[in-house]
Amino acid sequence: MKISFEVGDKKEKLSPRFVGPYEVLEKVGPVAYKLALPLELSKIHNMFHVSMLRKYRSNPNHVMQIEEQEVELNMSYEEKSVCILAKEVKELRNKRIPLVKVLWRNHNIEEAT
């Protein structure tokens, strides 16, 4: 399946969670796009490979506002747990390994790990 975008389309950056949507300013070559990023993201290069973009389908539950996330200078952020969804103990030979399924802040229940 070939993905194609048009100038004026809005795209989301692909990451552990989408941030955006952002307007496509320009198509640069067959697989690169230049996006209009806000000032808060001025340290990020505004060119993205097509594999990092998704077509935006309007739904406020899918989008994480940049203000909600405390982004470090190196553009990383800390995940914070909300609650434990499930617990179990895995037994391997003579070892017991506790497993926990965690729901993370700014993620859907399907994204729990």
PDB file of N, CA and C in Angstrom:
ATOM      1  N   MET A   1       0.834  -1.168   0.000  1.00  0.00           N
ATOM      2  CA  MET A   1       0.000   0.000   0.000  1.00  0.00           C
ATOM      3  C   MET A   1       0.885   1.239   0.000  1.00  0.00           C
ATOM      4  N   LYS A   2       0.695   2.140  -0.917  1.00  0.00           N
ATOM      5  CA  LYS A   2       1.468   3.362  -1.018  1.00  0.00           C
ATOM      6  C   LYS A   2       0.742   4.477  -0.269  1.00  0.00           C
ATOM      7  N   ILE A   3       1.498   5.175   0.587  1.00  0.00           N
ATOM      8  CA  ILE A   3       0.926   6.278   1.340  1.00  0.00           C
ATOM      9  C   ILE A   3       1.340   7.569   0.662  1.00  0.00           C
ATOM     10  N   SER A   4       0.387   8.466   0.475  1.00  0.00           N
ATOM     11  CA  SER A   4       0.682   9.745  -0.151  1.00  0.00           C
ATOM     12  C   SER A   4      -0.041  10.842   0.618  1.00  0.00           C
ATOM     13  N   PHE A   5       0.615  11.980   0.769  1.00  0.00           N
ATOM     14  CA  PHE A   5       0.037  13.110   1.477  1.00  0.00           C
ATOM     15  C   PHE A   5       0.033  14.313   0.560  1.00  0.00           C
ATOM     16  N   GLU A   6      -0.772  15.290   0.884  1.00  0.00           N
ATOM     17  CA  GLU A   6      -0.863  16.521   0.109  1.00  0.00           C
ATOM     18  C   GLU A   6      -0.515  17.701   1.003  1.00  0.00           C
ATOM     19  N   VAL A   7       0.011  18.776   0.411  1.00  0.00           N
ATOM     20  CA  VAL A   7       0.273  20.000   1.159  1.00  0.00           C
ATOM     21  C   VAL A   7      -1.057  20.459   1.737  1.00  0.00           C
ATOM     22  N   GLY A   8      -1.062  20.782   3.029  1.00  0.00           N
ATOM     23  CA  GLY A   8      -2.293  21.181   3.715  1.00  0.00           C
ATOM     24  C   GLY A   8      -2.874  20.066   4.568  1.00  0.00           C
ATOM     25  N   ASP A   9      -2.517  18.798   4.285  1.00  0.00           N
ATOM     26  CA  ASP A   9      -2.964  17.686   5.130  1.00  0.00           C
ATOM     27  C   ASP A   9      -2.363  17.865   6.518  1.00  0.00           C
ATOM     28  N   LYS A  10      -3.024  17.298   7.520  1.00  0.00           N
ATOM     29  CA  LYS A  10      -2.476  17.322   8.876  1.00  0.00           C
ATOM     30  C   LYS A  10      -2.022  15.930   9.227  1.00  0.00           C
ATOM     31  N   LYS A  11      -0.833  15.833   9.815  1.00  0.00           N
ATOM     32  CA  LYS A  11      -0.236  14.546  10.153  1.00  0.00           C
ATOM     33  C   LYS A  11       0.150  14.508  11.616  1.00  0.00           C
ATOM     34  N   GLU A  12       0.321  13.313  12.154  1.00  0.00           N
ATOM     35  CA  GLU A  12       0.757  13.108  13.522  1.00  0.00           C
ATOM     36  C   GLU A  12       2.124  12.445  13.503  1.00  0.00           C
ATOM     37  N   LYS A  13       2.958  12.812  14.439  1.00  0.00           N
ATOM     38  CA  LYS A  13       4.267  12.184  14.550  1.00  0.00           C
ATOM     39  C   LYS A  13       4.076  10.830  15.229  1.00  0.00           C
ATOM     40  N   LEU A  14       4.695   9.800  14.706  1.00  0.00           N
ATOM     41  CA  LEU A  14       4.605   8.475  15.291  1.00  0.00           C
ATOM     42  C   LEU A  14       5.627   8.341  16.397  1.00  0.00           C
ATOM     43  N   SER A  15       5.162   7.990  17.580  1.00  0.00           N
ATOM     44  CA  SER A  15       6.004   7.814  18.738  1.00  0.00           C
ATOM     45  C   SER A  15       5.260   6.866  19.651  1.00  0.00           C
ATOM     46  N   PRO A  16       5.734   6.677  20.907  1.00  0.00           N
ATOM     47  CA  PRO A  16       4.936   5.836  21.789  1.00  0.00           C
ATOM     48  C   PRO A  16       3.500   6.287  21.854  1.00  0.00           C
ATOM     49  N   ARG A  17       3.293   7.567  21.614  1.00  0.00           N
ATOM     50  CA  ARG A  17       1.957   8.138  21.550  1.00  0.00           C
ATOM     51  C   ARG A  17       1.997   9.239  20.500  1.00  0.00           C
ATOM     52  N   PHE A  18       0.946   9.414  19.761  1.00  0.00           N
ATOM     53  CA  PHE A  18       0.936  10.449  18.736  1.00  0.00           C
ATOM     54  C   PHE A  18       0.893  11.834  19.365  1.00  0.00           C
ATOM     55  N   VAL A  19       1.568  12.771  18.730  1.00  0.00           N
ATOM     56  CA  VAL A  19       1.507  14.176  19.102  1.00  0.00           C
ATOM     57  C   VAL A  19       1.089  14.918  17.846  1.00  0.00           C
ATOM     58  N   GLY A  20       0.112  15.761  17.960  1.00  0.00           N
ATOM     59  CA  GLY A  20      -0.297  16.476  16.762  1.00  0.00           C
ATOM     60  C   GLY A  20      -1.793  16.660  16.751  1.00  0.00           C
ATOM     61  N   PRO A  21      -2.386  16.912  15.640  1.00  0.00           N
ATOM     62  CA  PRO A  21      -1.903  16.841  14.260  1.00  0.00           C
ATOM     63  C   PRO A  21      -1.147  18.109  13.853  1.00  0.00           C
ATOM     64  N   TYR A  22      -0.299  17.972  12.845  1.00  0.00           N
ATOM     65  CA  TYR A  22       0.451  19.091  12.301  1.00  0.00           C
ATOM     66  C   TYR A  22       0.254  19.152  10.797  1.00  0.00           C
ATOM     67  N   GLU A  23       0.241  20.349  10.285  1.00  0.00           N
ATOM     68  CA  GLU A  23      -0.002  20.566   8.867  1.00  0.00           C
ATOM     69  C   GLU A  23       1.229  20.198   8.038  1.00  0.00           C
ATOM     70  N   VAL A  24       0.976  19.547   6.887  1.00  0.00           N
ATOM     71  CA  VAL A  24       2.042  19.250   5.939  1.00  0.00           C
ATOM     72  C   VAL A  24       2.298  20.516   5.141  1.00  0.00           C
ATOM     73  N   LEU A  25       3.543  21.010   5.211  1.00  0.00           N
ATOM     74  CA  LEU A  25       3.912  22.222   4.477  1.00  0.00           C
ATOM     75  C   LEU A  25       4.399  21.913   3.073  1.00  0.00           C
ATOM     76  N   GLU A  26       5.122  20.780   2.954  1.00  0.00           N
ATOM     77  CA  GLU A  26       5.766  20.500   1.680  1.00  0.00           C
ATOM     78  C   GLU A  26       6.129  19.023   1.592  1.00  0.00           C
ATOM     79  N   LYS A  27       6.007  18.472   0.403  1.00  0.00           N
ATOM     80  CA  LYS A  27       6.493  17.123   0.128  1.00  0.00           C
ATOM     81  C   LYS A  27       7.919  17.277  -0.405  1.00  0.00           C
ATOM     82  N   VAL A  28       8.867  16.624   0.260  1.00  0.00           N
ATOM     83  CA  VAL A  28      10.277  16.744  -0.108  1.00  0.00           C
ATOM     84  C   VAL A  28      10.744  15.373  -0.578  1.00  0.00           C
ATOM     85  N   GLY A  29      10.725  15.127  -1.856  1.00  0.00           N
ATOM     86  CA  GLY A  29      11.082  13.815  -2.379  1.00  0.00           C
ATOM     87  C   GLY A  29       9.924  12.849  -2.259  1.00  0.00           C
ATOM     88  N   PRO A  30      10.158  11.598  -2.646  1.00  0.00           N
ATOM     89  CA  PRO A  30       9.063  10.622  -2.675  1.00  0.00           C
ATOM     90  C   PRO A  30       8.600  10.127  -1.302  1.00  0.00           C
ATOM     91  N   VAL A  31       9.453  10.256  -0.249  1.00  0.00           N
ATOM     92  CA  VAL A  31       9.084   9.690   1.055  1.00  0.00           C
ATOM     93  C   VAL A  31       9.326  10.631   2.231  1.00  0.00           C
ATOM     94  N   ALA A  32       9.537  11.913   1.998  1.00  0.00           N
ATOM     95  CA  ALA A  32       9.800  12.858   3.089  1.00  0.00           C
ATOM     96  C   ALA A  32       8.823  14.026   3.025  1.00  0.00           C
ATOM     97  N   TYR A  33       8.422  14.488   4.220  1.00  0.00           N
ATOM     98  CA  TYR A  33       7.468  15.575   4.330  1.00  0.00           C
ATOM     99  C   TYR A  33       7.945  16.590   5.362  1.00  0.00           C
ATOM    100  N   LYS A  34       7.711  17.857   5.072  1.00  0.00           N
ATOM    101  CA  LYS A  34       8.030  18.944   5.979  1.00  0.00           C
ATOM    102  C   LYS A  34       6.742  19.348   6.675  1.00  0.00           C
ATOM    103  N   LEU A  35       6.764  19.380   8.025  1.00  0.00           N
ATOM    104  CA  LEU A  35       5.569  19.694   8.808  1.00  0.00           C
ATOM    105  C   LEU A  35       5.696  21.044   9.489  1.00  0.00           C
ATOM    106  N   ALA A  36       4.570  21.664   9.764  1.00  0.00           N
ATOM    107  CA  ALA A  36       4.528  22.909  10.537  1.00  0.00           C
ATOM    108  C   ALA A  36       4.436  22.528  12.012  1.00  0.00           C
ATOM    109  N   LEU A  37       5.559  22.624  12.719  1.00  0.00           N
ATOM    110  CA  LEU A  37       5.595  22.272  14.141  1.00  0.00           C
ATOM    111  C   LEU A  37       5.462  23.520  14.994  1.00  0.00           C
ATOM    112  N   PRO A  38       4.879  23.396  16.208  1.00  0.00           N
ATOM    113  CA  PRO A  38       4.744  24.555  17.096  1.00  0.00           C
ATOM    114  C   PRO A  38       6.100  24.943  17.694  1.00  0.00           C
ATOM    115  N   LEU A  39       6.175  26.115  18.292  1.00  0.00           N
ATOM    116  CA  LEU A  39       7.419  26.600  18.894  1.00  0.00           C
ATOM    117  C   LEU A  39       7.946  25.659  19.975  1.00  0.00           C
ATOM    118  N   GLU A  40       7.048  24.980  20.705  1.00  0.00           N
ATOM    119  CA  GLU A  40       7.480  24.051  21.758  1.00  0.00           C
ATOM    120  C   GLU A  40       8.345  22.932  21.200  1.00  0.00           C
ATOM    121  N   LEU A  41       8.198  22.636  19.908  1.00  0.00           N
ATOM    122  CA  LEU A  41       8.969  21.562  19.278  1.00  0.00           C
ATOM    123  C   LEU A  41      10.042  22.116  18.332  1.00  0.00           C
ATOM    124  N   SER A  42      10.492  23.331  18.588  1.00  0.00           N
ATOM    125  CA  SER A  42      11.457  23.968  17.692  1.00  0.00           C
ATOM    126  C   SER A  42      12.802  23.249  17.645  1.00  0.00           C
ATOM    127  N   LYS A  43      13.124  22.418  18.645  1.00  0.00           N
ATOM    128  CA  LYS A  43      14.388  21.688  18.649  1.00  0.00           C
ATOM    129  C   LYS A  43      14.325  20.406  17.820  1.00  0.00           C
ATOM    130  N   ILE A  44      13.148  20.086  17.313  1.00  0.00           N
ATOM    131  CA  ILE A  44      12.977  18.894  16.480  1.00  0.00           C
ATOM    132  C   ILE A  44      13.031  19.315  15.022  1.00  0.00           C
ATOM    133  N   HIS A  45      13.781  18.567  14.234  1.00  0.00           N
ATOM    134  CA  HIS A  45      13.829  18.843  12.791  1.00  0.00           C
ATOM    135  C   HIS A  45      12.439  18.581  12.222  1.00  0.00           C
ATOM    136  N   ASN A  46      11.952  19.463  11.363  1.00  0.00           N
ATOM    137  CA  ASN A  46      10.562  19.362  10.907  1.00  0.00           C
ATOM    138  C   ASN A  46      10.379  18.511   9.649  1.00  0.00           C
ATOM    139  N   MET A  47      11.384  17.718   9.251  1.00  0.00           N
ATOM    140  CA  MET A  47      11.263  16.798   8.119  1.00  0.00           C
ATOM    141  C   MET A  47      11.053  15.385   8.672  1.00  0.00           C
ATOM    142  N   PHE A  48      10.064  14.683   8.120  1.00  0.00           N
ATOM    143  CA  PHE A  48       9.753  13.342   8.606  1.00  0.00           C
ATOM    144  C   PHE A  48       9.601  12.369   7.447  1.00  0.00           C
ATOM    145  N   HIS A  49      10.071  11.148   7.667  1.00  0.00           N
ATOM    146  CA  HIS A  49       9.871  10.070   6.702  1.00  0.00           C
ATOM    147  C   HIS A  49       8.407   9.649   6.759  1.00  0.00           C
ATOM    148  N   VAL A  50       7.876   9.225   5.641  1.00  0.00           N
ATOM    149  CA  VAL A  50       6.466   8.843   5.549  1.00  0.00           C
ATOM    150  C   VAL A  50       6.100   7.762   6.568  1.00  0.00           C
ATOM    151  N   SER A  51       7.047   6.898   6.934  1.00  0.00           N
ATOM    152  CA  SER A  51       6.759   5.824   7.893  1.00  0.00           C
ATOM    153  C   SER A  51       6.482   6.360   9.294  1.00  0.00           C
ATOM    154  N   MET A  52       6.839   7.609   9.567  1.00  0.00           N
ATOM    155  CA  MET A  52       6.612   8.197  10.884  1.00  0.00           C
ATOM    156  C   MET A  52       5.312   8.999  10.951  1.00  0.00           C
ATOM    157  N   LEU A  53       4.564   9.039   9.876  1.00  0.00           N
ATOM    158  CA  LEU A  53       3.347   9.847   9.802  1.00  0.00           C
ATOM    159  C   LEU A  53       2.112   8.976   9.630  1.00  0.00           C
ATOM    160  N   ARG A  54       1.008   9.433  10.143  1.00  0.00           N
ATOM    161  CA  ARG A  54      -0.280   8.779   9.951  1.00  0.00           C
ATOM    162  C   ARG A  54      -1.304   9.835   9.570  1.00  0.00           C
ATOM    163  N   LYS A  55      -2.229   9.482   8.697  1.00  0.00           N
ATOM    164  CA  LYS A  55      -3.294  10.411   8.302  1.00  0.00           C
ATOM    165  C   LYS A  55      -4.171  10.651   9.532  1.00  0.00           C
ATOM    166  N   TYR A  56      -4.481  11.893   9.780  1.00  0.00           N
ATOM    167  CA  TYR A  56      -5.268  12.246  10.953  1.00  0.00           C
ATOM    168  C   TYR A  56      -6.746  12.044  10.704  1.00  0.00           C
ATOM    169  N   ARG A  57      -7.369  11.284  11.581  1.00  0.00           N
ATOM    170  CA  ARG A  57      -8.821  11.110  11.583  1.00  0.00           C
ATOM    171  C   ARG A  57      -9.313  11.750  12.869  1.00  0.00           C
ATOM    172  N   SER A  58     -10.090  12.789  12.756  1.00  0.00           N
ATOM    173  CA  SER A  58     -10.480  13.598  13.904  1.00  0.00           C
ATOM    174  C   SER A  58     -11.106  12.769  15.019  1.00  0.00           C
ATOM    175  N   ASN A  59     -10.432  12.729  16.153  1.00  0.00           N
ATOM    176  CA  ASN A  59     -10.921  12.096  17.368  1.00  0.00           C
ATOM    177  C   ASN A  59     -10.060  12.614  18.521  1.00  0.00           C
ATOM    178  N   PRO A  60     -10.586  13.465  19.392  1.00  0.00           N
ATOM    179  CA  PRO A  60      -9.797  14.067  20.465  1.00  0.00           C
ATOM    180  C   PRO A  60      -9.162  13.046  21.407  1.00  0.00           C
ATOM    181  N   ASN A  61      -9.737  11.845  21.523  1.00  0.00           N
ATOM    182  CA  ASN A  61      -9.167  10.813  22.404  1.00  0.00           C
ATOM    183  C   ASN A  61      -7.865  10.240  21.867  1.00  0.00           C
ATOM    184  N   HIS A  62      -7.602  10.397  20.581  1.00  0.00           N
ATOM    185  CA  HIS A  62      -6.398   9.831  19.982  1.00  0.00           C
ATOM    186  C   HIS A  62      -5.189  10.743  20.095  1.00  0.00           C
ATOM    187  N   VAL A  63      -5.399  11.990  20.413  1.00  0.00           N
ATOM    188  CA  VAL A  63      -4.313  12.974  20.351  1.00  0.00           C
ATOM    189  C   VAL A  63      -3.896  13.400  21.749  1.00  0.00           C
ATOM    190  N   MET A  64      -2.591  13.373  21.998  1.00  0.00           N
ATOM    191  CA  MET A  64      -2.043  13.830  23.257  1.00  0.00           C
ATOM    192  C   MET A  64      -1.540  15.253  23.051  1.00  0.00           C
ATOM    193  N   GLN A  65      -2.021  16.188  23.827  1.00  0.00           N
ATOM    194  CA  GLN A  65      -1.575  17.567  23.715  1.00  0.00           C
ATOM    195  C   GLN A  65      -0.143  17.681  24.222  1.00  0.00           C
ATOM    196  N   ILE A  66       0.668  18.463  23.558  1.00  0.00           N
ATOM    197  CA  ILE A  66       2.081  18.601  23.917  1.00  0.00           C
ATOM    198  C   ILE A  66       2.233  19.162  25.332  1.00  0.00           C
ATOM    199  N   GLU A  67       1.290  20.007  25.784  1.00  0.00           N
ATOM    200  CA  GLU A  67       1.365  20.588  27.121  1.00  0.00           C
ATOM    201  C   GLU A  67       1.226  19.526  28.210  1.00  0.00           C
ATOM    202  N   GLU A  68       0.573  18.405  27.898  1.00  0.00           N
ATOM    203  CA  GLU A  68       0.365  17.348  28.881  1.00  0.00           C
ATOM    204  C   GLU A  68       1.648  16.585  29.187  1.00  0.00           C
ATOM    205  N   GLN A  69       2.619  16.683  28.338  1.00  0.00           N
ATOM    206  CA  GLN A  69       3.839  15.910  28.456  1.00  0.00           C
ATOM    207  C   GLN A  69       5.002  16.810  28.851  1.00  0.00           C
ATOM    208  N   GLU A  70       5.754  16.401  29.849  1.00  0.00           N
ATOM    209  CA  GLU A  70       6.947  17.140  30.236  1.00  0.00           C
ATOM    210  C   GLU A  70       8.102  16.594  29.409  1.00  0.00           C
ATOM    211  N   VAL A  71       8.478  17.330  28.361  1.00  0.00           N
ATOM    212  CA  VAL A  71       9.508  16.863  27.445  1.00  0.00           C
ATOM    213  C   VAL A  71      10.855  17.413  27.901  1.00  0.00           C
ATOM    214  N   GLU A  72      11.850  16.508  28.032  1.00  0.00           N
ATOM    215  CA  GLU A  72      13.195  16.894  28.445  1.00  0.00           C
ATOM    216  C   GLU A  72      13.927  17.568  27.289  1.00  0.00           C
ATOM    217  N   LEU A  73      15.060  18.174  27.577  1.00  0.00           N
ATOM    218  CA  LEU A  73      15.857  18.827  26.548  1.00  0.00           C
ATOM    219  C   LEU A  73      16.310  17.852  25.467  1.00  0.00           C
ATOM    220  N   ASN A  74      16.535  16.582  25.832  1.00  0.00           N
ATOM    221  CA  ASN A  74      16.949  15.581  24.837  1.00  0.00           C
ATOM    222  C   ASN A  74      15.744  14.958  24.131  1.00  0.00           C
ATOM    223  N   MET A  75      14.569  15.591  24.268  1.00  0.00           N
ATOM    224  CA  MET A  75      13.313  15.201  23.630  1.00  0.00           C
ATOM    225  C   MET A  75      12.783  13.848  24.121  1.00  0.00           C
ATOM    226  N   SER A  76      13.155  13.448  25.328  1.00  0.00           N
ATOM    227  CA  SER A  76      12.598  12.240  25.925  1.00  0.00           C
ATOM    228  C   SER A  76      11.565  12.660  26.977  1.00  0.00           C
ATOM    229  N   TYR A  77      10.780  11.705  27.434  1.00  0.00           N
ATOM    230  CA  TYR A  77       9.823  11.989  28.496  1.00  0.00           C
ATOM    231  C   TYR A  77       9.657  10.738  29.342  1.00  0.00           C
ATOM    232  N   GLU A  78       9.210  10.948  30.572  1.00  0.00           N
ATOM    233  CA  GLU A  78       9.055   9.842  31.505  1.00  0.00           C
ATOM    234  C   GLU A  78       7.627   9.311  31.436  1.00  0.00           C
ATOM    235  N   GLU A  79       7.509   8.000  31.267  1.00  0.00           N
ATOM    236  CA  GLU A  79       6.182   7.369  31.310  1.00  0.00           C
ATOM    237  C   GLU A  79       5.771   7.237  32.771  1.00  0.00           C
ATOM    238  N   LYS A  80       4.508   7.498  33.067  1.00  0.00           N
ATOM    239  CA  LYS A  80       4.004   7.373  34.429  1.00  0.00           C
ATOM    240  C   LYS A  80       2.852   6.382  34.442  1.00  0.00           C
ATOM    241  N   SER A  81       2.903   5.472  35.389  1.00  0.00           N
ATOM    242  CA  SER A  81       1.857   4.454  35.475  1.00  0.00           C
ATOM    243  C   SER A  81       0.595   5.035  36.119  1.00  0.00           C
ATOM    244  N   VAL A  82      -0.549   4.499  35.683  1.00  0.00           N
ATOM    245  CA  VAL A  82      -1.835   4.928  36.228  1.00  0.00           C
ATOM    246  C   VAL A  82      -2.344   3.875  37.204  1.00  0.00           C
ATOM    247  N   CYS A  83      -2.336   2.609  36.751  1.00  0.00           N
ATOM    248  CA  CYS A  83      -2.784   1.529  37.620  1.00  0.00           C
ATOM    249  C   CYS A  83      -2.287   0.185  37.090  1.00  0.00           C
ATOM    250  N   ILE A  84      -2.375  -0.819  37.943  1.00  0.00           N
ATOM    251  CA  ILE A  84      -2.019  -2.191  37.563  1.00  0.00           C
ATOM    252  C   ILE A  84      -3.311  -2.887  37.158  1.00  0.00           C
ATOM    253  N   LEU A  85      -3.315  -3.421  35.930  1.00  0.00           N
ATOM    254  CA  LEU A  85      -4.516  -4.063  35.402  1.00  0.00           C
ATOM    255  C   LEU A  85      -4.586  -5.555  35.723  1.00  0.00           C
ATOM    256  N   ALA A  86      -3.429  -6.204  35.792  1.00  0.00           N
ATOM    257  CA  ALA A  86      -3.413  -7.650  36.042  1.00  0.00           C
ATOM    258  C   ALA A  86      -2.079  -8.048  36.658  1.00  0.00           C
ATOM    259  N   LYS A  87      -2.126  -9.118  37.457  1.00  0.00           N
ATOM    260  CA  LYS A  87      -0.905  -9.679  38.064  1.00  0.00           C
ATOM    261  C   LYS A  87      -0.940 -11.195  37.902  1.00  0.00           C
ATOM    262  N   GLU A  88       0.230 -11.775  37.714  1.00  0.00           N
ATOM    263  CA  GLU A  88       0.337 -13.232  37.711  1.00  0.00           C
ATOM    264  C   GLU A  88       1.780 -13.614  38.010  1.00  0.00           C
ATOM    265  N   VAL A  89       1.971 -14.862  38.396  1.00  0.00           N
ATOM    266  CA  VAL A  89       3.315 -15.357  38.664  1.00  0.00           C
ATOM    267  C   VAL A  89       3.598 -16.480  37.684  1.00  0.00           C
ATOM    268  N   LYS A  90       4.666 -16.321  36.923  1.00  0.00           N
ATOM    269  CA  LYS A  90       5.085 -17.319  35.940  1.00  0.00           C
ATOM    270  C   LYS A  90       6.105 -18.233  36.608  1.00  0.00           C
ATOM    271  N   GLU A  91       5.900 -19.547  36.511  1.00  0.00           N
ATOM    272  CA  GLU A  91       6.835 -20.480  37.116  1.00  0.00           C
ATOM    273  C   GLU A  91       7.670 -21.150  36.040  1.00  0.00           C
ATOM    274  N   LEU A  92       8.980 -20.988  36.151  1.00  0.00           N
ATOM    275  CA  LEU A  92       9.936 -21.589  35.227  1.00  0.00           C
ATOM    276  C   LEU A  92      10.890 -22.464  36.028  1.00  0.00           C
ATOM    277  N   ARG A  93      10.821 -23.752  35.812  1.00  0.00           N
ATOM    278  CA  ARG A  93      11.656 -24.713  36.549  1.00  0.00           C
ATOM    279  C   ARG A  93      11.632 -24.399  38.038  1.00  0.00           C
ATOM    280  N   ASN A  94      12.712 -23.840  38.570  1.00  0.00           N
ATOM    281  CA  ASN A  94      12.738 -23.549  40.014  1.00  0.00           C
ATOM    282  C   ASN A  94      12.669 -22.048  40.297  1.00  0.00           C
ATOM    283  N   LYS A  95      12.141 -21.285  39.346  1.00  0.00           N
ATOM    284  CA  LYS A  95      12.046 -19.837  39.482  1.00  0.00           C
ATOM    285  C   LYS A  95      10.612 -19.370  39.397  1.00  0.00           C
ATOM    286  N   ARG A  96      10.288 -18.351  40.164  1.00  0.00           N
ATOM    287  CA  ARG A  96       8.969 -17.710  40.079  1.00  0.00           C
ATOM    288  C   ARG A  96       9.183 -16.258  39.650  1.00  0.00           C
ATOM    289  N   ILE A  97       8.530 -15.881  38.546  1.00  0.00           N
ATOM    290  CA  ILE A  97       8.693 -14.528  38.021  1.00  0.00           C
ATOM    291  C   ILE A  97       7.349 -13.810  38.093  1.00  0.00           C
ATOM    292  N   PRO A  98       7.275 -12.734  38.903  1.00  0.00           N
ATOM    293  CA  PRO A  98       6.030 -11.970  38.955  1.00  0.00           C
ATOM    294  C   PRO A  98       5.869 -11.117  37.694  1.00  0.00           C
ATOM    295  N   LEU A  99       4.675 -11.158  37.079  1.00  0.00           N
ATOM    296  CA  LEU A  99       4.367 -10.357  35.899  1.00  0.00           C
ATOM    297  C   LEU A  99       3.232  -9.392  36.249  1.00  0.00           C
ATOM    298  N   VAL A 100       3.345  -8.172  35.749  1.00  0.00           N
ATOM    299  CA  VAL A 100       2.356  -7.142  36.036  1.00  0.00           C
ATOM    300  C   VAL A 100       2.003  -6.433  34.732  1.00  0.00           C
ATOM    301  N   LYS A 101       0.709  -6.228  34.471  1.00  0.00           N
ATOM    302  CA  LYS A 101       0.261  -5.471  33.304  1.00  0.00           C
ATOM    303  C   LYS A 101      -0.132  -4.075  33.788  1.00  0.00           C
ATOM    304  N   VAL A 102       0.531  -3.050  33.219  1.00  0.00           N
ATOM    305  CA  VAL A 102       0.385  -1.679  33.707  1.00  0.00           C
ATOM    306  C   VAL A 102      -0.289  -0.799  32.650  1.00  0.00           C
ATOM    307  N   LEU A 103      -1.230   0.021  33.096  1.00  0.00           N
ATOM    308  CA  LEU A 103      -1.831   1.046  32.245  1.00  0.00           C
ATOM    309  C   LEU A 103      -1.024   2.317  32.452  1.00  0.00           C
ATOM    310  N   TRP A 104      -0.556   2.920  31.343  1.00  0.00           N
ATOM    311  CA  TRP A 104       0.297   4.099  31.397  1.00  0.00           C
ATOM    312  C   TRP A 104      -0.503   5.357  31.117  1.00  0.00           C
ATOM    313  N   ARG A 105      -0.088   6.480  31.728  1.00  0.00           N
ATOM    314  CA  ARG A 105      -0.724   7.772  31.515  1.00  0.00           C
ATOM    315  C   ARG A 105      -0.629   8.141  30.033  1.00  0.00           C
ATOM    316  N   ASN A 106      -1.675   8.722  29.475  1.00  0.00           N
ATOM    317  CA  ASN A 106      -1.762   9.154  28.078  1.00  0.00           C
ATOM    318  C   ASN A 106      -1.777   7.991  27.095  1.00  0.00           C
ATOM    319  N   HIS A 107      -2.135   6.782  27.525  1.00  0.00           N
ATOM    320  CA  HIS A 107      -2.239   5.632  26.647  1.00  0.00           C
ATOM    321  C   HIS A 107      -3.593   4.962  26.824  1.00  0.00           C
ATOM    322  N   ASN A 108      -4.055   4.307  25.773  1.00  0.00           N
ATOM    323  CA  ASN A 108      -5.299   3.537  25.837  1.00  0.00           C
ATOM    324  C   ASN A 108      -5.054   2.235  26.569  1.00  0.00           C
ATOM    325  N   ILE A 109      -6.128   1.586  26.986  1.00  0.00           N
ATOM    326  CA  ILE A 109      -6.006   0.299  27.673  1.00  0.00           C
ATOM    327  C   ILE A 109      -5.390  -0.773  26.765  1.00  0.00           C
ATOM    328  N   GLU A 110      -5.578  -0.635  25.450  1.00  0.00           N
ATOM    329  CA  GLU A 110      -4.992  -1.602  24.507  1.00  0.00           C
ATOM    330  C   GLU A 110      -3.478  -1.492  24.472  1.00  0.00           C
ATOM    331  N   GLU A 111      -2.941  -0.359  24.927  1.00  0.00           N
ATOM    332  CA  GLU A 111      -1.494  -0.131  24.902  1.00  0.00           C
ATOM    333  C   GLU A 111      -0.819  -0.470  26.230  1.00  0.00           C
ATOM    334  N   ALA A 112      -1.562  -1.076  27.148  1.00  0.00           N
ATOM    335  CA  ALA A 112      -0.992  -1.449  28.441  1.00  0.00           C
ATOM    336  C   ALA A 112       0.078  -2.529  28.217  1.00  0.00           C
ATOM    337  N   THR A 113       1.133  -2.457  29.047  1.00  0.00           N
ATOM    338  CA  THR A 113       2.235  -3.423  28.924  1.00  0.00           C
ATOM    339  C   THR A 113       2.515  -4.083  30.260  1.00  0.00           C
TER     340      THR A 113
END
